[in-house]
Every structure is written in structure tokens, then in C-alpha cells.
Amino acid sequence: RVHEHYLVHKPEKVTWTEAAGSIRDGVRAYTALHYLSHLSPGKSVLIMDGASAFGTIAIQLAHHRGAKVISTACSLEDKQCLERFRPPIENSTIA
């Protein structure tokens, strides 16, 4: 039996192949932001390694919830990637 916190609906525009490839990081990010931190509009969240698969999903989910997002980057290339996000990330630091 699977706990309901580990289930999410697949959006209609996402193929089953795309969904299978992103499910692990997506569920982890959703669980962390929704169930563990109870992230709500106006709160701030720090996403470590924001350019990673987990980080990019977590940033998008946090923005969707109306949070202020701060992130770290592991390289200048990753920092430049984060700077292209819309809505913009408040701050990105190379760590």
C-alpha cells in the first residue's frame, strides 16, 4: 500500500515517459515544500544547488506557492542558468 503523500496526478500535457523521468525529484520536492515545510505565500525558502533536477523542480513549486526563493549554485554556469529563471530568484550564490 502506498501513502497518499507519495502520489501525484500526471498533468495531461506531460507524456508518461516524461513523467517517469521526473517523478522521483518531483515527489521529493513537493513533499519537502508542501508536507514538511508547509511553505506558503510570502515565506522564504533556500534551495541548495538550484540548477540540479531536484532544485529546478523545487524552485518552480516554491514560486507557484508564492514564496521568495533563494538558491545556491555549484558553478558560474549553474548561476547563469538560475539567473534566467522567471519569475526571478531573489539571490543566487556560488557555493
PDB file of N, CA and C in Angstrom:
ATOM      1  N   ARG A   1       0.838  -1.182   0.000  1.00  0.00           N
ATOM      2  CA  ARG A   1       0.000   0.000   0.000  1.00  0.00           C
ATOM      3  C   ARG A   1       0.887   1.250   0.000  1.00  0.00           C
ATOM      4  N   VAL A   2       0.494   2.267  -0.754  1.00  0.00           N
ATOM      5  CA  VAL A   2       1.276   3.497  -0.890  1.00  0.00           C
ATOM      6  C   VAL A   2       0.582   4.633  -0.145  1.00  0.00           C
ATOM      7  N   HIS A   3       1.352   5.373   0.644  1.00  0.00           N
ATOM      8  CA  HIS A   3       0.802   6.515   1.375  1.00  0.00           C
ATOM      9  C   HIS A   3       0.429   7.618   0.387  1.00  0.00           C
ATOM     10  N   GLU A   4      -0.663   8.316   0.648  1.00  0.00           N
ATOM     11  CA  GLU A   4      -1.154   9.349  -0.270  1.00  0.00           C
ATOM     12  C   GLU A   4      -0.163  10.484  -0.495  1.00  0.00           C
ATOM     13  N   HIS A   5       0.770  10.725   0.422  1.00  0.00           N
ATOM     14  CA  HIS A   5       1.775  11.781   0.243  1.00  0.00           C
ATOM     15  C   HIS A   5       2.730  11.469  -0.896  1.00  0.00           C
ATOM     16  N   TYR A   6       2.779  10.223  -1.330  1.00  0.00           N
ATOM     17  CA  TYR A   6       3.696   9.826  -2.397  1.00  0.00           C
ATOM     18  C   TYR A   6       2.997   9.713  -3.748  1.00  0.00           C
ATOM     19  N   LEU A   7       1.777  10.199  -3.840  1.00  0.00           N
ATOM     20  CA  LEU A   7       1.022  10.144  -5.089  1.00  0.00           C
ATOM     21  C   LEU A   7       0.759  11.549  -5.616  1.00  0.00           C
ATOM     22  N   VAL A   8       0.920  11.721  -6.909  1.00  0.00           N
ATOM     23  CA  VAL A   8       0.602  12.993  -7.563  1.00  0.00           C
ATOM     24  C   VAL A   8      -0.094  12.694  -8.880  1.00  0.00           C
ATOM     25  N   HIS A   9      -0.934  13.619  -9.336  1.00  0.00           N
ATOM     26  CA  HIS A   9      -1.606  13.469 -10.625  1.00  0.00           C
ATOM     27  C   HIS A   9      -0.661  13.885 -11.744  1.00  0.00           C
ATOM     28  N   LYS A  10      -0.663  13.135 -12.837  1.00  0.00           N
ATOM     29  CA  LYS A  10       0.139  13.474 -14.011  1.00  0.00           C
ATOM     30  C   LYS A  10      -0.628  14.509 -14.818  1.00  0.00           C
ATOM     31  N   PRO A  11      -0.010  15.678 -15.082  1.00  0.00           N
ATOM     32  CA  PRO A  11      -0.686  16.666 -15.933  1.00  0.00           C
ATOM     33  C   PRO A  11      -0.944  16.095 -17.326  1.00  0.00           C
ATOM     34  N   GLU A  12      -2.047  16.479 -17.932  1.00  0.00           N
ATOM     35  CA  GLU A  12      -2.427  15.944 -19.243  1.00  0.00           C
ATOM     36  C   GLU A  12      -1.379  16.197 -20.316  1.00  0.00           C
ATOM     37  N   LYS A  13      -0.686  17.335 -20.258  1.00  0.00           N
ATOM     38  CA  LYS A  13       0.288  17.691 -21.294  1.00  0.00           C
ATOM     39  C   LYS A  13       1.630  16.977 -21.140  1.00  0.00           C
ATOM     40  N   VAL A  14       1.826  16.263 -20.055  1.00  0.00           N
ATOM     41  CA  VAL A  14       3.080  15.546 -19.809  1.00  0.00           C
ATOM     42  C   VAL A  14       2.918  14.099 -20.253  1.00  0.00           C
ATOM     43  N   THR A  15       3.871  13.617 -21.063  1.00  0.00           N
ATOM     44  CA  THR A  15       3.804  12.223 -21.518  1.00  0.00           C
ATOM     45  C   THR A  15       4.168  11.295 -20.364  1.00  0.00           C
ATOM     46  N   TRP A  16       3.825  10.018 -20.510  1.00  0.00           N
ATOM     47  CA  TRP A  16       4.175   9.044 -19.476  1.00  0.00           C
ATOM     48  C   TRP A  16       5.686   8.900 -19.355  1.00  0.00           C
ATOM     49  N   THR A  17       6.404   9.008 -20.474  1.00  0.00           N
ATOM     50  CA  THR A  17       7.869   8.915 -20.451  1.00  0.00           C
ATOM     51  C   THR A  17       8.459  10.090 -19.676  1.00  0.00           C
ATOM     52  N   GLU A  18       7.971  11.299 -19.943  1.00  0.00           N
ATOM     53  CA  GLU A  18       8.455  12.479 -19.223  1.00  0.00           C
ATOM     54  C   GLU A  18       8.124  12.378 -17.735  1.00  0.00           C
ATOM     55  N   ALA A  19       6.949  11.904 -17.440  1.00  0.00           N
ATOM     56  CA  ALA A  19       6.531  11.779 -16.042  1.00  0.00           C
ATOM     57  C   ALA A  19       7.407  10.781 -15.294  1.00  0.00           C
ATOM     58  N   ALA A  20       7.709   9.672 -15.942  1.00  0.00           N
ATOM     59  CA  ALA A  20       8.543   8.655 -15.297  1.00  0.00           C
ATOM     60  C   ALA A  20       9.938   9.187 -15.007  1.00  0.00           C
ATOM     61  N   GLY A  21      10.452  10.036 -15.889  1.00  0.00           N
ATOM     62  CA  GLY A  21      11.796  10.575 -15.711  1.00  0.00           C
ATOM     63  C   GLY A  21      11.906  11.633 -14.630  1.00  0.00           C
ATOM     64  N   SER A  22      10.813  12.264 -14.285  1.00  0.00           N
ATOM     65  CA  SER A  22      10.877  13.361 -13.316  1.00  0.00           C
ATOM     66  C   SER A  22      10.183  13.060 -11.995  1.00  0.00           C
ATOM     67  N   ILE A  23       9.589  11.925 -11.870  1.00  0.00           N
ATOM     68  CA  ILE A  23       8.744  11.648 -10.713  1.00  0.00           C
ATOM     69  C   ILE A  23       9.504  11.658  -9.386  1.00  0.00           C
ATOM     70  N   ARG A  24      10.697  11.074  -9.341  1.00  0.00           N
ATOM     71  CA  ARG A  24      11.416  10.978  -8.071  1.00  0.00           C
ATOM     72  C   ARG A  24      11.709  12.359  -7.494  1.00  0.00           C
ATOM     73  N   ASP A  25      12.375  13.203  -8.276  1.00  0.00           N
ATOM     74  CA  ASP A  25      12.715  14.535  -7.780  1.00  0.00           C
ATOM     75  C   ASP A  25      11.473  15.386  -7.568  1.00  0.00           C
ATOM     76  N   GLY A  26      10.480  15.224  -8.418  1.00  0.00           N
ATOM     77  CA  GLY A  26       9.248  15.987  -8.266  1.00  0.00           C
ATOM     78  C   GLY A  26       8.513  15.657  -6.978  1.00  0.00           C
ATOM     79  N   VAL A  27       8.398  14.388  -6.672  1.00  0.00           N
ATOM     80  CA  VAL A  27       7.717  13.975  -5.441  1.00  0.00           C
ATOM     81  C   VAL A  27       8.515  14.419  -4.221  1.00  0.00           C
ATOM     82  N   ARG A  28       9.838  14.289  -4.285  1.00  0.00           N
ATOM     83  CA  ARG A  28      10.681  14.735  -3.163  1.00  0.00           C
ATOM     84  C   ARG A  28      10.514  16.232  -2.921  1.00  0.00           C
ATOM     85  N   ALA A  29      10.542  17.024  -3.999  1.00  0.00           N
ATOM     86  CA  ALA A  29      10.403  18.477  -3.861  1.00  0.00           C
ATOM     87  C   ALA A  29       9.017  18.839  -3.329  1.00  0.00           C
ATOM     88  N   TYR A  30       7.993  18.230  -3.881  1.00  0.00           N
ATOM     89  CA  TYR A  30       6.621  18.512  -3.444  1.00  0.00           C
ATOM     90  C   TYR A  30       6.435  18.143  -1.972  1.00  0.00           C
ATOM     91  N   THR A  31       6.929  16.978  -1.588  1.00  0.00           N
ATOM     92  CA  THR A  31       6.811  16.530  -0.198  1.00  0.00           C
ATOM     93  C   THR A  31       7.536  17.488   0.737  1.00  0.00           C
ATOM     94  N   ALA A  32       8.749  17.891   0.366  1.00  0.00           N
ATOM     95  CA  ALA A  32       9.534  18.794   1.215  1.00  0.00           C
ATOM     96  C   ALA A  32       8.845  20.143   1.390  1.00  0.00           C
ATOM     97  N   LEU A  33       8.334  20.697   0.300  1.00  0.00           N
ATOM     98  CA  LEU A  33       7.744  22.035   0.368  1.00  0.00           C
ATOM     99  C   LEU A  33       6.325  22.043   0.921  1.00  0.00           C
ATOM    100  N   HIS A  34       5.542  21.047   0.566  1.00  0.00           N
ATOM    101  CA  HIS A  34       4.128  21.044   0.959  1.00  0.00           C
ATOM    102  C   HIS A  34       3.904  20.400   2.326  1.00  0.00           C
ATOM    103  N   TYR A  35       4.388  19.204   2.510  1.00  0.00           N
ATOM    104  CA  TYR A  35       4.076  18.452   3.726  1.00  0.00           C
ATOM    105  C   TYR A  35       5.054  18.687   4.868  1.00  0.00           C
ATOM    106  N   LEU A  36       6.332  18.892   4.557  1.00  0.00           N
ATOM    107  CA  LEU A  36       7.320  19.027   5.627  1.00  0.00           C
ATOM    108  C   LEU A  36       7.515  20.476   6.068  1.00  0.00           C
ATOM    109  N   SER A  37       7.614  21.406   5.116  1.00  0.00           N
ATOM    110  CA  SER A  37       7.856  22.803   5.497  1.00  0.00           C
ATOM    111  C   SER A  37       6.588  23.647   5.516  1.00  0.00           C
ATOM    112  N   HIS A  38       5.500  23.139   4.943  1.00  0.00           N
ATOM    113  CA  HIS A  38       4.233  23.882   4.877  1.00  0.00           C
ATOM    114  C   HIS A  38       4.453  25.270   4.267  1.00  0.00           C
ATOM    115  N   LEU A  39       5.200  25.310   3.174  1.00  0.00           N
ATOM    116  CA  LEU A  39       5.534  26.564   2.505  1.00  0.00           C
ATOM    117  C   LEU A  39       4.264  27.282   2.061  1.00  0.00           C
ATOM    118  N   SER A  40       4.210  28.579   2.342  1.00  0.00           N
ATOM    119  CA  SER A  40       3.033  29.369   1.982  1.00  0.00           C
ATOM    120  C   SER A  40       3.471  30.696   1.361  1.00  0.00           C
ATOM    121  N   PRO A  41       2.539  31.403   0.732  1.00  0.00           N
ATOM    122  CA  PRO A  41       2.875  32.674   0.082  1.00  0.00           C
ATOM    123  C   PRO A  41       3.563  33.647   1.040  1.00  0.00           C
ATOM    124  N   GLY A  42       4.608  34.308   0.527  1.00  0.00           N
ATOM    125  CA  GLY A  42       5.326  35.301   1.314  1.00  0.00           C
ATOM    126  C   GLY A  42       6.473  34.760   2.138  1.00  0.00           C
ATOM    127  N   LYS A  43       6.538  33.445   2.331  1.00  0.00           N
ATOM    128  CA  LYS A  43       7.648  32.864   3.078  1.00  0.00           C
ATOM    129  C   LYS A  43       8.867  32.754   2.174  1.00  0.00           C
ATOM    130  N   SER A  44      10.038  32.630   2.781  1.00  0.00           N
ATOM    131  CA  SER A  44      11.286  32.464   2.032  1.00  0.00           C
ATOM    132  C   SER A  44      11.750  31.022   2.128  1.00  0.00           C
ATOM    133  N   VAL A  45      12.391  30.560   1.057  1.00  0.00           N
ATOM    134  CA  VAL A  45      12.919  29.202   1.046  1.00  0.00           C
ATOM    135  C   VAL A  45      14.295  29.218   0.379  1.00  0.00           C
ATOM    136  N   LEU A  46      15.238  28.475   0.953  1.00  0.00           N
ATOM    137  CA  LEU A  46      16.570  28.318   0.377  1.00  0.00           C
ATOM    138  C   LEU A  46      16.621  26.975  -0.329  1.00  0.00           C
ATOM    139  N   ILE A  47      16.903  26.996  -1.621  1.00  0.00           N
ATOM    140  CA  ILE A  47      17.042  25.773  -2.410  1.00  0.00           C
ATOM    141  C   ILE A  47      18.526  25.597  -2.708  1.00  0.00           C
ATOM    142  N   MET A  48      19.131  24.581  -2.135  1.00  0.00           N
ATOM    143  CA  MET A  48      20.546  24.295  -2.384  1.00  0.00           C
ATOM    144  C   MET A  48      20.699  23.668  -3.764  1.00  0.00           C
ATOM    145  N   ASP A  49      21.753  24.056  -4.489  1.00  0.00           N
ATOM    146  CA  ASP A  49      22.040  23.522  -5.829  1.00  0.00           C
ATOM    147  C   ASP A  49      20.810  23.644  -6.731  1.00  0.00           C
ATOM    148  N   GLY A  50      20.350  24.873  -6.889  1.00  0.00           N
ATOM    149  CA  GLY A  50      19.119  25.147  -7.618  1.00  0.00           C
ATOM    150  C   GLY A  50      19.089  24.709  -9.066  1.00  0.00           C
ATOM    151  N   ALA A  51      20.250  24.517  -9.695  1.00  0.00           N
ATOM    152  CA  ALA A  51      20.276  24.107 -11.102  1.00  0.00           C
ATOM    153  C   ALA A  51      20.188  22.591 -11.279  1.00  0.00           C
ATOM    154  N   SER A  52      20.148  21.848 -10.180  1.00  0.00           N
ATOM    155  CA  SER A  52      20.012  20.387 -10.267  1.00  0.00           C
ATOM    156  C   SER A  52      18.577  20.030 -10.640  1.00  0.00           C
ATOM    157  N   ALA A  53      18.341  18.771 -10.970  1.00  0.00           N
ATOM    158  CA  ALA A  53      16.982  18.329 -11.310  1.00  0.00           C
ATOM    159  C   ALA A  53      16.022  18.601 -10.152  1.00  0.00           C
ATOM    160  N   PHE A  54      16.428  18.241  -8.946  1.00  0.00           N
ATOM    161  CA  PHE A  54      15.600  18.498  -7.767  1.00  0.00           C
ATOM    162  C   PHE A  54      15.416  19.997  -7.561  1.00  0.00           C
ATOM    163  N   GLY A  55      16.508  20.745  -7.680  1.00  0.00           N
ATOM    164  CA  GLY A  55      16.469  22.182  -7.439  1.00  0.00           C
ATOM    165  C   GLY A  55      15.540  22.926  -8.374  1.00  0.00           C
ATOM    166  N   THR A  56      15.588  22.595  -9.663  1.00  0.00           N
ATOM    167  CA  THR A  56      14.742  23.310 -10.624  1.00  0.00           C
ATOM    168  C   THR A  56      13.261  23.041 -10.366  1.00  0.00           C
ATOM    169  N   ILE A  57      12.940  21.816 -10.010  1.00  0.00           N
ATOM    170  CA  ILE A  57      11.540  21.493  -9.688  1.00  0.00           C
ATOM    171  C   ILE A  57      11.121  22.194  -8.398  1.00  0.00           C
ATOM    172  N   ALA A  58      11.992  22.155  -7.388  1.00  0.00           N
ATOM    173  CA  ALA A  58      11.675  22.796  -6.110  1.00  0.00           C
ATOM    174  C   ALA A  58      11.480  24.301  -6.284  1.00  0.00           C
ATOM    175  N   ILE A  59      12.317  24.935  -7.102  1.00  0.00           N
ATOM    176  CA  ILE A  59      12.189  26.373  -7.355  1.00  0.00           C
ATOM    177  C   ILE A  59      10.843  26.679  -8.007  1.00  0.00           C
ATOM    178  N   GLN A  60      10.476  25.895  -9.010  1.00  0.00           N
ATOM    179  CA  GLN A  60       9.202  26.126  -9.696  1.00  0.00           C
ATOM    180  C   GLN A  60       8.014  25.936  -8.757  1.00  0.00           C
ATOM    181  N   LEU A  61       8.063  24.889  -7.938  1.00  0.00           N
ATOM    182  CA  LEU A  61       6.970  24.648  -6.990  1.00  0.00           C
ATOM    183  C   LEU A  61       6.888  25.757  -5.947  1.00  0.00           C
ATOM    184  N   ALA A  62       8.042  26.215  -5.463  1.00  0.00           N
ATOM    185  CA  ALA A  62       8.063  27.287  -4.463  1.00  0.00           C
ATOM    186  C   ALA A  62       7.509  28.585  -5.052  1.00  0.00           C
ATOM    187  N   HIS A  63       7.905  28.901  -6.289  1.00  0.00           N
ATOM    188  CA  HIS A  63       7.354  30.091  -6.946  1.00  0.00           C
ATOM    189  C   HIS A  63       5.842  29.950  -7.112  1.00  0.00           C
ATOM    190  N   HIS A  64       5.397  28.767  -7.484  1.00  0.00           N
ATOM    191  CA  HIS A  64       3.959  28.522  -7.663  1.00  0.00           C
ATOM    192  C   HIS A  64       3.192  28.775  -6.367  1.00  0.00           C
ATOM    193  N   ARG A  65       3.815  28.478  -5.240  1.00  0.00           N
ATOM    194  CA  ARG A  65       3.182  28.698  -3.935  1.00  0.00           C
ATOM    195  C   ARG A  65       3.310  30.145  -3.468  1.00  0.00           C
ATOM    196  N   GLY A  66       4.016  30.986  -4.240  1.00  0.00           N
ATOM    197  CA  GLY A  66       4.147  32.396  -3.879  1.00  0.00           C
ATOM    198  C   GLY A  66       5.270  32.697  -2.911  1.00  0.00           C
ATOM    199  N   ALA A  67       6.248  31.811  -2.816  1.00  0.00           N
ATOM    200  CA  ALA A  67       7.364  32.000  -1.894  1.00  0.00           C
ATOM    201  C   ALA A  67       8.488  32.812  -2.536  1.00  0.00           C
ATOM    202  N   LYS A  68       9.294  33.437  -1.696  1.00  0.00           N
ATOM    203  CA  LYS A  68      10.515  34.108  -2.124  1.00  0.00           C
ATOM    204  C   LYS A  68      11.595  33.029  -2.170  1.00  0.00           C
ATOM    205  N   VAL A  69      12.244  32.854  -3.316  1.00  0.00           N
ATOM    206  CA  VAL A  69      13.219  31.781  -3.492  1.00  0.00           C
ATOM    207  C   VAL A  69      14.637  32.337  -3.487  1.00  0.00           C
ATOM    208  N   ILE A  70      15.482  31.720  -2.677  1.00  0.00           N
ATOM    209  CA  ILE A  70      16.913  31.993  -2.640  1.00  0.00           C
ATOM    210  C   ILE A  70      17.580  30.670  -2.979  1.00  0.00           C
ATOM    211  N   SER A  71      18.649  30.706  -3.774  1.00  0.00           N
ATOM    212  CA  SER A  71      19.270  29.454  -4.190  1.00  0.00           C
ATOM    213  C   SER A  71      20.788  29.564  -4.224  1.00  0.00           C
ATOM    214  N   THR A  72      21.443  28.417  -4.135  1.00  0.00           N
ATOM    215  CA  THR A  72      22.890  28.343  -4.331  1.00  0.00           C
ATOM    216  C   THR A  72      23.161  27.683  -5.672  1.00  0.00           C
ATOM    217  N   ALA A  73      24.365  27.928  -6.183  1.00  0.00           N
ATOM    218  CA  ALA A  73      24.801  27.318  -7.440  1.00  0.00           C
ATOM    219  C   ALA A  73      26.192  26.740  -7.225  1.00  0.00           C
ATOM    220  N   CYS A  74      26.488  25.639  -7.902  1.00  0.00           N
ATOM    221  CA  CYS A  74      27.777  24.966  -7.746  1.00  0.00           C
ATOM    222  C   CYS A  74      28.838  25.489  -8.707  1.00  0.00           C
ATOM    223  N   SER A  75      28.426  26.261  -9.704  1.00  0.00           N
ATOM    224  CA  SER A  75      29.382  26.778 -10.686  1.00  0.00           C
ATOM    225  C   SER A  75      28.831  28.069 -11.281  1.00  0.00           C
ATOM    226  N   LEU A  76      29.687  28.794 -11.983  1.00  0.00           N
ATOM    227  CA  LEU A  76      29.250  30.009 -12.657  1.00  0.00           C
ATOM    228  C   LEU A  76      28.188  29.683 -13.704  1.00  0.00           C
ATOM    229  N   GLU A  77      28.359  28.557 -14.397  1.00  0.00           N
ATOM    230  CA  GLU A  77      27.375  28.121 -15.397  1.00  0.00           C
ATOM    231  C   GLU A  77      26.009  27.884 -14.749  1.00  0.00           C
ATOM    232  N   ASP A  78      25.999  27.218 -13.594  1.00  0.00           N
ATOM    233  CA  ASP A  78      24.739  26.984 -12.881  1.00  0.00           C
ATOM    234  C   ASP A  78      24.117  28.303 -12.420  1.00  0.00           C
ATOM    235  N   LYS A  79      24.942  29.237 -11.962  1.00  0.00           N
ATOM    236  CA  LYS A  79      24.444  30.545 -11.527  1.00  0.00           C
ATOM    237  C   LYS A  79      23.786  31.275 -12.694  1.00  0.00           C
ATOM    238  N   GLN A  80      24.410  31.218 -13.862  1.00  0.00           N
ATOM    239  CA  GLN A  80      23.835  31.863 -15.042  1.00  0.00           C
ATOM    240  C   GLN A  80      22.511  31.205 -15.434  1.00  0.00           C
ATOM    241  N   CYS A  81      22.433  29.895 -15.275  1.00  0.00           N
ATOM    242  CA  CYS A  81      21.181  29.172 -15.533  1.00  0.00           C
ATOM    243  C   CYS A  81      20.084  29.674 -14.592  1.00  0.00           C
ATOM    244  N   LEU A  82      20.402  29.800 -13.313  1.00  0.00           N
ATOM    245  CA  LEU A  82      19.425  30.260 -12.327  1.00  0.00           C
ATOM    246  C   LEU A  82      18.978  31.696 -12.599  1.00  0.00           C
ATOM    247  N   GLU A  83      19.872  32.512 -13.123  1.00  0.00           N
ATOM    248  CA  GLU A  83      19.533  33.910 -13.402  1.00  0.00           C
ATOM    249  C   GLU A  83      18.520  34.046 -14.535  1.00  0.00           C
ATOM    250  N   ARG A  84      18.343  32.994 -15.336  1.00  0.00           N
ATOM    251  CA  ARG A  84      17.372  33.024 -16.435  1.00  0.00           C
ATOM    252  C   ARG A  84      15.975  32.585 -15.991  1.00  0.00           C
ATOM    253  N   PHE A  85      15.824  32.121 -14.757  1.00  0.00           N
ATOM    254  CA  PHE A  85      14.521  31.672 -14.270  1.00  0.00           C
ATOM    255  C   PHE A  85      13.545  32.838 -14.216  1.00  0.00           C
ATOM    256  N   ARG A  86      12.294  32.558 -14.551  1.00  0.00           N
ATOM    257  CA  ARG A  86      11.217  33.534 -14.447  1.00  0.00           C
ATOM    258  C   ARG A  86      10.046  32.880 -13.747  1.00  0.00           C
ATOM    259  N   PRO A  87       9.512  33.463 -12.689  1.00  0.00           N
ATOM    260  CA  PRO A  87       9.955  34.702 -12.084  1.00  0.00           C
ATOM    261  C   PRO A  87      11.365  34.559 -11.533  1.00  0.00           C
ATOM    262  N   PRO A  88      12.078  35.671 -11.377  1.00  0.00           N
ATOM    263  CA  PRO A  88      13.481  35.593 -10.966  1.00  0.00           C
ATOM    264  C   PRO A  88      13.655  35.095  -9.537  1.00  0.00           C
ATOM    265  N   ILE A  89      14.802  34.506  -9.306  1.00  0.00           N
ATOM    266  CA  ILE A  89      15.192  34.075  -7.968  1.00  0.00           C
ATOM    267  C   ILE A  89      15.778  35.300  -7.276  1.00  0.00           C
ATOM    268  N   GLU A  90      15.457  35.485  -6.008  1.00  0.00           N
ATOM    269  CA  GLU A  90      15.917  36.660  -5.271  1.00  0.00           C
ATOM    270  C   GLU A  90      17.440  36.780  -5.263  1.00  0.00           C
ATOM    271  N   ASN A  91      18.122  35.690  -5.030  1.00  0.00           N
ATOM    272  CA  ASN A  91      19.570  35.729  -4.898  1.00  0.00           C
ATOM    273  C   ASN A  91      20.113  34.351  -5.233  1.00  0.00           C
ATOM    274  N   SER A  92      21.215  34.309  -5.926  1.00  0.00           N
ATOM    275  CA  SER A  92      21.870  33.025  -6.156  1.00  0.00           C
ATOM    276  C   SER A  92      23.348  33.197  -5.857  1.00  0.00           C
ATOM    277  N   THR A  93      23.891  32.287  -5.093  1.00  0.00           N
ATOM    278  CA  THR A  93      25.266  32.355  -4.647  1.00  0.00           C
ATOM    279  C   THR A  93      25.995  31.100  -5.076  1.00  0.00           C
ATOM    280  N   ILE A  94      27.210  31.264  -5.593  1.00  0.00           N
ATOM    281  CA  ILE A  94      28.021  30.096  -5.936  1.00  0.00           C
ATOM    282  C   ILE A  94      28.605  29.549  -4.646  1.00  0.00           C
ATOM    283  N   ALA A  95      28.307  28.295  -4.369  1.00  0.00           N
ATOM    284  CA  ALA A  95      28.788  27.669  -3.135  1.00  0.00           C
ATOM    285  C   ALA A  95      29.813  26.607  -3.450  1.00  0.00           C
TER     286      ALA A  95
END
